Amino acid sequence: MQVYLPEDLYRAVKDKRLAASELLQEAVRSELRRRELLSETDRYLDELVTEVGEPSATAVARAETLSRRIRSGPSRAQAS
């Protein structure tokens, strides 16, 4: 198998004297695992919806609010 790298990636690998083959193998393994986990998550969510039903609009809104809060990091009151 041959793999094409754009010039900037090729140059970065060469400049840092990285083992391209090992690096690419690790990247492909990681991506395959990521996709496997996403598929498992989708299957689990489908099973969960079948078991307990679709979440209500209120539950979705609460989850989105919590998700935003988590992504924004600790609040100033918590950081002090």
PDB file of N, CA and C in Angstrom:
ATOM      1  N   MET A   1       0.843  -1.170   0.000  1.00  0.00           N
ATOM      2  CA  MET A   1       0.000   0.000   0.000  1.00  0.00           C
ATOM      3  C   MET A   1       0.894   1.239   0.000  1.00  0.00           C
ATOM      4  N   GLN A   2       0.512   2.204  -0.793  1.00  0.00           N
ATOM      5  CA  GLN A   2       1.231   3.466  -0.792  1.00  0.00           C
ATOM      6  C   GLN A   2       0.324   4.528  -0.179  1.00  0.00           C
ATOM      7  N   VAL A   3       0.946   5.454   0.509  1.00  0.00           N
ATOM      8  CA  VAL A   3       0.195   6.526   1.166  1.00  0.00           C
ATOM      9  C   VAL A   3       0.782   7.851   0.722  1.00  0.00           C
ATOM     10  N   TYR A   4      -0.098   8.780   0.363  1.00  0.00           N
ATOM     11  CA  TYR A   4       0.337  10.115  -0.037  1.00  0.00           C
ATOM     12  C   TYR A   4       0.214  11.049   1.158  1.00  0.00           C
ATOM     13  N   LEU A   5       1.250  11.809   1.408  1.00  0.00           N
ATOM     14  CA  LEU A   5       1.199  12.863   2.417  1.00  0.00           C
ATOM     15  C   LEU A   5       1.384  14.201   1.721  1.00  0.00           C
ATOM     16  N   PRO A   6       0.563  15.179   2.060  1.00  0.00           N
ATOM     17  CA  PRO A   6       0.807  16.513   1.512  1.00  0.00           C
ATOM     18  C   PRO A   6       2.194  16.992   1.947  1.00  0.00           C
ATOM     19  N   GLU A   7       2.733  17.908   1.187  1.00  0.00           N
ATOM     20  CA  GLU A   7       4.103  18.379   1.412  1.00  0.00           C
ATOM     21  C   GLU A   7       4.353  18.812   2.847  1.00  0.00           C
ATOM     22  N   ASP A   8       3.401  19.538   3.458  1.00  0.00           N
ATOM     23  CA  ASP A   8       3.625  20.032   4.824  1.00  0.00           C
ATOM     24  C   ASP A   8       3.742  18.882   5.823  1.00  0.00           C
ATOM     25  N   LEU A   9       2.922  17.843   5.680  1.00  0.00           N
ATOM     26  CA  LEU A   9       3.029  16.704   6.586  1.00  0.00           C
ATOM     27  C   LEU A   9       4.296  15.900   6.320  1.00  0.00           C
ATOM     28  N   TYR A  10       4.590  15.705   5.067  1.00  0.00           N
ATOM     29  CA  TYR A  10       5.815  14.991   4.703  1.00  0.00           C
ATOM     30  C   TYR A  10       7.035  15.684   5.318  1.00  0.00           C
ATOM     31  N   ARG A  11       7.097  17.001   5.151  1.00  0.00           N
ATOM     32  CA  ARG A  11       8.226  17.772   5.658  1.00  0.00           C
ATOM     33  C   ARG A  11       8.290  17.695   7.184  1.00  0.00           C
ATOM     34  N   ALA A  12       7.147  17.779   7.865  1.00  0.00           N
ATOM     35  CA  ALA A  12       7.124  17.720   9.330  1.00  0.00           C
ATOM     36  C   ALA A  12       7.637  16.372   9.824  1.00  0.00           C
ATOM     37  N   VAL A  13       7.222  15.289   9.176  1.00  0.00           N
ATOM     38  CA  VAL A  13       7.679  13.949   9.558  1.00  0.00           C
ATOM     39  C   VAL A  13       9.186  13.836   9.353  1.00  0.00           C
ATOM     40  N   LYS A  14       9.664  14.300   8.215  1.00  0.00           N
ATOM     41  CA  LYS A  14      11.094  14.222   7.918  1.00  0.00           C
ATOM     42  C   LYS A  14      11.912  15.112   8.858  1.00  0.00           C
ATOM     43  N   ASP A  15      11.444  16.343   9.072  1.00  0.00           N
ATOM     44  CA  ASP A  15      12.182  17.280   9.938  1.00  0.00           C
ATOM     45  C   ASP A  15      12.320  16.752  11.365  1.00  0.00           C
ATOM     46  N   LYS A  16      11.299  16.067  11.834  1.00  0.00           N
ATOM     47  CA  LYS A  16      11.319  15.537  13.199  1.00  0.00           C
ATOM     48  C   LYS A  16      11.911  14.129  13.266  1.00  0.00           C
ATOM     49  N   ARG A  17      12.322  13.618  12.097  1.00  0.00           N
ATOM     50  CA  ARG A  17      12.926  12.289  11.995  1.00  0.00           C
ATOM     51  C   ARG A  17      12.044  11.210  12.627  1.00  0.00           C
ATOM     52  N   LEU A  18      10.752  11.294  12.319  1.00  0.00           N
ATOM     53  CA  LEU A  18       9.799  10.310  12.831  1.00  0.00           C
ATOM     54  C   LEU A  18       9.767   9.086  11.925  1.00  0.00           C
ATOM     55  N   ALA A  19       9.455   7.954  12.500  1.00  0.00           N
ATOM     56  CA  ALA A  19       9.293   6.722  11.725  1.00  0.00           C
ATOM     57  C   ALA A  19       7.895   6.759  11.105  1.00  0.00           C
ATOM     58  N   ALA A  20       7.836   7.135   9.834  1.00  0.00           N
ATOM     59  CA  ALA A  20       6.557   7.355   9.164  1.00  0.00           C
ATOM     60  C   ALA A  20       5.670   6.121   9.201  1.00  0.00           C
ATOM     61  N   SER A  21       6.227   4.961   8.959  1.00  0.00           N
ATOM     62  CA  SER A  21       5.429   3.738   8.921  1.00  0.00           C
ATOM     63  C   SER A  21       4.761   3.483  10.269  1.00  0.00           C
ATOM     64  N   GLU A  22       5.529   3.571  11.349  1.00  0.00           N
ATOM     65  CA  GLU A  22       4.974   3.358  12.691  1.00  0.00           C
ATOM     66  C   GLU A  22       3.940   4.423  13.029  1.00  0.00           C
ATOM     67  N   LEU A  23       4.240   5.660  12.679  1.00  0.00           N
ATOM     68  CA  LEU A  23       3.324   6.762  12.945  1.00  0.00           C
ATOM     69  C   LEU A  23       1.995   6.564  12.219  1.00  0.00           C
ATOM     70  N   LEU A  24       2.060   6.178  10.948  1.00  0.00           N
ATOM     71  CA  LEU A  24       0.846   5.956  10.171  1.00  0.00           C
ATOM     72  C   LEU A  24       0.067   4.750  10.681  1.00  0.00           C
ATOM     73  N   GLN A  25       0.776   3.696  11.079  1.00  0.00           N
ATOM     74  CA  GLN A  25       0.093   2.523  11.638  1.00  0.00           C
ATOM     75  C   GLN A  25      -0.678   2.903  12.902  1.00  0.00           C
ATOM     76  N   GLU A  26      -0.039   3.662  13.767  1.00  0.00           N
ATOM     77  CA  GLU A  26      -0.682   4.098  15.009  1.00  0.00           C
ATOM     78  C   GLU A  26      -1.892   4.986  14.713  1.00  0.00           C
ATOM     79  N   ALA A  27      -1.750   5.886  13.751  1.00  0.00           N
ATOM     80  CA  ALA A  27      -2.859   6.774  13.393  1.00  0.00           C
ATOM     81  C   ALA A  27      -4.040   5.984  12.826  1.00  0.00           C
ATOM     82  N   VAL A  28      -3.758   5.006  11.982  1.00  0.00           N
ATOM     83  CA  VAL A  28      -4.830   4.191  11.400  1.00  0.00           C
ATOM     84  C   VAL A  28      -5.502   3.361  12.486  1.00  0.00           C
ATOM     85  N   ARG A  29      -4.713   2.759  13.375  1.00  0.00           N
ATOM     86  CA  ARG A  29      -5.301   1.991  14.484  1.00  0.00           C
ATOM     87  C   ARG A  29      -6.195   2.879  15.347  1.00  0.00           C
ATOM     88  N   SER A  30      -5.722   4.063  15.662  1.00  0.00           N
ATOM     89  CA  SER A  30      -6.504   4.990  16.484  1.00  0.00           C
ATOM     90  C   SER A  30      -7.807   5.376  15.798  1.00  0.00           C
ATOM     91  N   GLU A  31      -7.741   5.655  14.520  1.00  0.00           N
ATOM     92  CA  GLU A  31      -8.948   6.042  13.785  1.00  0.00           C
ATOM     93  C   GLU A  31      -9.933   4.883  13.692  1.00  0.00           C
ATOM     94  N   LEU A  32      -9.434   3.674  13.444  1.00  0.00           N
ATOM     95  CA  LEU A  32     -10.327   2.514  13.395  1.00  0.00           C
ATOM     96  C   LEU A  32     -10.990   2.292  14.747  1.00  0.00           C
ATOM     97  N   ARG A  33     -10.249   2.440  15.832  1.00  0.00           N
ATOM     98  CA  ARG A  33     -10.820   2.294  17.180  1.00  0.00           C
ATOM     99  C   ARG A  33     -11.855   3.375  17.452  1.00  0.00           C
ATOM    100  N   ARG A  34     -11.556   4.613  17.061  1.00  0.00           N
ATOM    101  CA  ARG A  34     -12.497   5.722  17.249  1.00  0.00           C
ATOM    102  C   ARG A  34     -13.811   5.428  16.537  1.00  0.00           C
ATOM    103  N   ARG A  35     -13.722   4.947  15.309  1.00  0.00           N
ATOM    104  CA  ARG A  35     -14.924   4.633  14.541  1.00  0.00           C
ATOM    105  C   ARG A  35     -15.691   3.463  15.153  1.00  0.00           C
ATOM    106  N   GLU A  36     -14.962   2.477  15.661  1.00  0.00           N
ATOM    107  CA  GLU A  36     -15.603   1.339  16.324  1.00  0.00           C
ATOM    108  C   GLU A  36     -16.381   1.807  17.555  1.00  0.00           C
ATOM    109  N   LEU A  37     -15.759   2.686  18.341  1.00  0.00           N
ATOM    110  CA  LEU A  37     -16.423   3.203  19.537  1.00  0.00           C
ATOM    111  C   LEU A  37     -17.645   4.044  19.184  1.00  0.00           C
ATOM    112  N   LEU A  38     -17.561   4.825  18.110  1.00  0.00           N
ATOM    113  CA  LEU A  38     -18.730   5.603  17.677  1.00  0.00           C
ATOM    114  C   LEU A  38     -19.874   4.682  17.261  1.00  0.00           C
ATOM    115  N   SER A  39     -19.551   3.597  16.563  1.00  0.00           N
ATOM    116  CA  SER A  39     -20.579   2.638  16.163  1.00  0.00           C
ATOM    117  C   SER A  39     -21.209   1.973  17.379  1.00  0.00           C
ATOM    118  N   GLU A  40     -20.383   1.606  18.359  1.00  0.00           N
ATOM    119  CA  GLU A  40     -20.902   1.008  19.587  1.00  0.00           C
ATOM    120  C   GLU A  40     -21.801   1.993  20.327  1.00  0.00           C
ATOM    121  N   THR A  41     -21.417   3.250  20.342  1.00  0.00           N
ATOM    122  CA  THR A  41     -22.237   4.274  20.989  1.00  0.00           C
ATOM    123  C   THR A  41     -23.582   4.402  20.286  1.00  0.00           C
ATOM    124  N   ASP A  42     -23.573   4.436  18.962  1.00  0.00           N
ATOM    125  CA  ASP A  42     -24.821   4.513  18.201  1.00  0.00           C
ATOM    126  C   ASP A  42     -25.721   3.319  18.493  1.00  0.00           C
ATOM    127  N   ARG A  43     -25.134   2.110  18.531  1.00  0.00           N
ATOM    128  CA  ARG A  43     -25.921   0.904  18.834  1.00  0.00           C
ATOM    129  C   ARG A  43     -26.527   0.989  20.230  1.00  0.00           C
ATOM    130  N   TYR A  44     -25.716   1.426  21.204  1.00  0.00           N
ATOM    131  CA  TYR A  44     -26.197   1.556  22.576  1.00  0.00           C
ATOM    132  C   TYR A  44     -27.343   2.559  22.661  1.00  0.00           C
ATOM    133  N   LEU A  45     -27.178   3.700  22.010  1.00  0.00           N
ATOM    134  CA  LEU A  45     -28.237   4.714  22.051  1.00  0.00           C
ATOM    135  C   LEU A  45     -29.518   4.207  21.397  1.00  0.00           C
ATOM    136  N   ASP A  46     -29.389   3.472  20.298  1.00  0.00           N
ATOM    137  CA  ASP A  46     -30.572   2.888  19.661  1.00  0.00           C
ATOM    138  C   ASP A  46     -31.286   1.935  20.615  1.00  0.00           C
ATOM    139  N   GLU A  47     -30.512   1.095  21.309  1.00  0.00           N
ATOM    140  CA  GLU A  47     -31.096   0.171  22.278  1.00  0.00           C
ATOM    141  C   GLU A  47     -31.771   0.923  23.417  1.00  0.00           C
ATOM    142  N   LEU A  48     -31.124   1.973  23.880  1.00  0.00           N
ATOM    143  CA  LEU A  48     -31.667   2.763  24.978  1.00  0.00           C
ATOM    144  C   LEU A  48     -32.982   3.439  24.584  1.00  0.00           C
ATOM    145  N   VAL A  49     -33.027   4.004  23.383  1.00  0.00           N
ATOM    146  CA  VAL A  49     -34.259   4.641  22.911  1.00  0.00           C
ATOM    147  C   VAL A  49     -35.360   3.602  22.777  1.00  0.00           C
ATOM    148  N   THR A  50     -35.028   2.410  22.303  1.00  0.00           N
ATOM    149  CA  THR A  50     -36.017   1.335  22.198  1.00  0.00           C
ATOM    150  C   THR A  50     -36.547   0.961  23.574  1.00  0.00           C
ATOM    151  N   GLU A  51     -35.656   0.934  24.555  1.00  0.00           N
ATOM    152  CA  GLU A  51     -36.033   0.524  25.907  1.00  0.00           C
ATOM    153  C   GLU A  51     -36.834   1.586  26.653  1.00  0.00           C
ATOM    154  N   VAL A  52     -36.379   2.842  26.594  1.00  0.00           N
ATOM    155  CA  VAL A  52     -37.010   3.873  27.434  1.00  0.00           C
ATOM    156  C   VAL A  52     -37.690   4.986  26.639  1.00  0.00           C
ATOM    157  N   GLY A  53     -37.529   5.001  25.314  1.00  0.00           N
ATOM    158  CA  GLY A  53     -38.167   6.021  24.488  1.00  0.00           C
ATOM    159  C   GLY A  53     -37.264   7.221  24.253  1.00  0.00           C
ATOM    160  N   GLU A  54     -37.716   8.067  23.348  1.00  0.00           N
ATOM    161  CA  GLU A  54     -36.980   9.293  23.019  1.00  0.00           C
ATOM    162  C   GLU A  54     -36.979  10.240  24.216  1.00  0.00           C
ATOM    163  N   PRO A  55     -35.895  10.994  24.413  1.00  0.00           N
ATOM    164  CA  PRO A  55     -35.874  11.973  25.511  1.00  0.00           C
ATOM    165  C   PRO A  55     -36.826  13.129  25.216  1.00  0.00           C
ATOM    166  N   SER A  56     -37.354  13.701  26.276  1.00  0.00           N
ATOM    167  CA  SER A  56     -38.253  14.853  26.116  1.00  0.00           C
ATOM    168  C   SER A  56     -37.448  16.088  25.726  1.00  0.00           C
ATOM    169  N   ALA A  57     -38.148  17.100  25.241  1.00  0.00           N
ATOM    170  CA  ALA A  57     -37.486  18.364  24.890  1.00  0.00           C
ATOM    171  C   ALA A  57     -36.810  18.974  26.117  1.00  0.00           C
ATOM    172  N   THR A  58     -37.445  18.844  27.269  1.00  0.00           N
ATOM    173  CA  THR A  58     -36.870  19.372  28.515  1.00  0.00           C
ATOM    174  C   THR A  58     -35.580  18.638  28.865  1.00  0.00           C
ATOM    175  N   ALA A  59     -35.575  17.323  28.721  1.00  0.00           N
ATOM    176  CA  ALA A  59     -34.376  16.538  29.026  1.00  0.00           C
ATOM    177  C   ALA A  59     -33.245  16.892  28.070  1.00  0.00           C
ATOM    178  N   VAL A  60     -33.564  17.087  26.789  1.00  0.00           N
ATOM    179  CA  VAL A  60     -32.550  17.463  25.804  1.00  0.00           C
ATOM    180  C   VAL A  60     -31.970  18.838  26.144  1.00  0.00           C
ATOM    181  N   ALA A  61     -32.837  19.780  26.496  1.00  0.00           N
ATOM    182  CA  ALA A  61     -32.379  21.127  26.842  1.00  0.00           C
ATOM    183  C   ALA A  61     -31.467  21.094  28.069  1.00  0.00           C
ATOM    184  N   ARG A  62     -31.832  20.306  29.085  1.00  0.00           N
ATOM    185  CA  ARG A  62     -30.995  20.187  30.287  1.00  0.00           C
ATOM    186  C   ARG A  62     -29.645  19.582  29.944  1.00  0.00           C
ATOM    187  N   ALA A  63     -29.641  18.555  29.096  1.00  0.00           N
ATOM    188  CA  ALA A  63     -28.385  17.912  28.697  1.00  0.00           C
ATOM    189  C   ALA A  63     -27.496  18.883  27.916  1.00  0.00           C
ATOM    190  N   GLU A  64     -28.093  19.667  27.031  1.00  0.00           N
ATOM    191  CA  GLU A  64     -27.310  20.646  26.263  1.00  0.00           C
ATOM    192  C   GLU A  64     -26.717  21.708  27.174  1.00  0.00           C
ATOM    193  N   THR A  65     -27.483  22.166  28.149  1.00  0.00           N
ATOM    194  CA  THR A  65     -26.989  23.157  29.108  1.00  0.00           C
ATOM    195  C   THR A  65     -25.820  22.589  29.907  1.00  0.00           C
ATOM    196  N   LEU A  66     -25.970  21.370  30.380  1.00  0.00           N
ATOM    197  CA  LEU A  66     -24.901  20.722  31.136  1.00  0.00           C
ATOM    198  C   LEU A  66     -23.660  20.523  30.269  1.00  0.00           C
ATOM    199  N   SER A  67     -23.856  20.113  29.041  1.00  0.00           N
ATOM    200  CA  SER A  67     -22.740  19.906  28.122  1.00  0.00           C
ATOM    201  C   SER A  67     -21.976  21.209  27.884  1.00  0.00           C
ATOM    202  N   ARG A  68     -22.699  22.300  27.667  1.00  0.00           N
ATOM    203  CA  ARG A  68     -22.043  23.611  27.479  1.00  0.00           C
ATOM    204  C   ARG A  68     -21.251  23.992  28.717  1.00  0.00           C
ATOM    205  N   ARG A  69     -21.838  23.757  29.878  1.00  0.00           N
ATOM    206  CA  ARG A  69     -21.168  24.098  31.137  1.00  0.00           C
ATOM    207  C   ARG A  69     -19.882  23.288  31.295  1.00  0.00           C
ATOM    208  N   ILE A  70     -19.934  22.022  30.966  1.00  0.00           N
ATOM    209  CA  ILE A  70     -18.756  21.161  31.081  1.00  0.00           C
ATOM    210  C   ILE A  70     -17.670  21.602  30.102  1.00  0.00           C
ATOM    211  N   ARG A  71     -18.075  21.894  28.852  1.00  0.00           N
ATOM    212  CA  ARG A  71     -17.097  22.306  27.838  1.00  0.00           C
ATOM    213  C   ARG A  71     -16.439  23.637  28.178  1.00  0.00           C
ATOM    214  N   SER A  72     -17.141  24.517  28.863  1.00  0.00           N
ATOM    215  CA  SER A  72     -16.580  25.830  29.164  1.00  0.00           C
ATOM    216  C   SER A  72     -15.596  25.783  30.322  1.00  0.00           C
ATOM    217  N   GLY A  73     -15.525  24.670  31.026  1.00  0.00           N
ATOM    218  CA  GLY A  73     -14.566  24.534  32.108  1.00  0.00           C
ATOM    219  C   GLY A  73     -15.142  25.012  33.428  1.00  0.00           C
ATOM    220  N   PRO A  74     -14.304  24.981  34.473  1.00  0.00           N
ATOM    221  CA  PRO A  74     -14.790  25.376  35.794  1.00  0.00           C
ATOM    222  C   PRO A  74     -15.180  26.854  35.837  1.00  0.00           C
ATOM    223  N   SER A  75     -16.222  27.116  36.588  1.00  0.00           N
ATOM    224  CA  SER A  75     -16.650  28.515  36.725  1.00  0.00           C
ATOM    225  C   SER A  75     -15.674  29.260  37.609  1.00  0.00           C
ATOM    226  N   ARG A  76     -15.765  30.569  37.631  1.00  0.00           N
ATOM    227  CA  ARG A  76     -14.842  31.374  38.450  1.00  0.00           C
ATOM    228  C   ARG A  76     -15.003  31.048  39.933  1.00  0.00           C
ATOM    229  N   ALA A  77     -16.254  30.797  40.348  1.00  0.00           N
ATOM    230  CA  ALA A  77     -16.490  30.478  41.758  1.00  0.00           C
ATOM    231  C   ALA A  77     -15.809  29.159  42.117  1.00  0.00           C
ATOM    232  N   GLN A  78     -15.826  28.186  41.212  1.00  0.00           N
ATOM    233  CA  GLN A  78     -15.190  26.904  41.491  1.00  0.00           C
ATOM    234  C   GLN A  78     -13.676  27.016  41.434  1.00  0.00           C
ATOM    235  N   ALA A  79     -13.145  27.883  40.552  1.00  0.00           N
ATOM    236  CA  ALA A  79     -11.702  28.025  40.388  1.00  0.00           C
ATOM    237  C   ALA A  79     -11.046  28.740  41.554  1.00  0.00           C
ATOM    238  N   SER A  80     -11.816  29.561  42.285  1.00  0.00           N
ATOM    239  CA  SER A  80     -11.245  30.336  43.402  1.00  0.00           C
ATOM    240  C   SER A  80     -11.006  29.499  44.623  1.00  0.00           C
TER     241      SER A  80
END
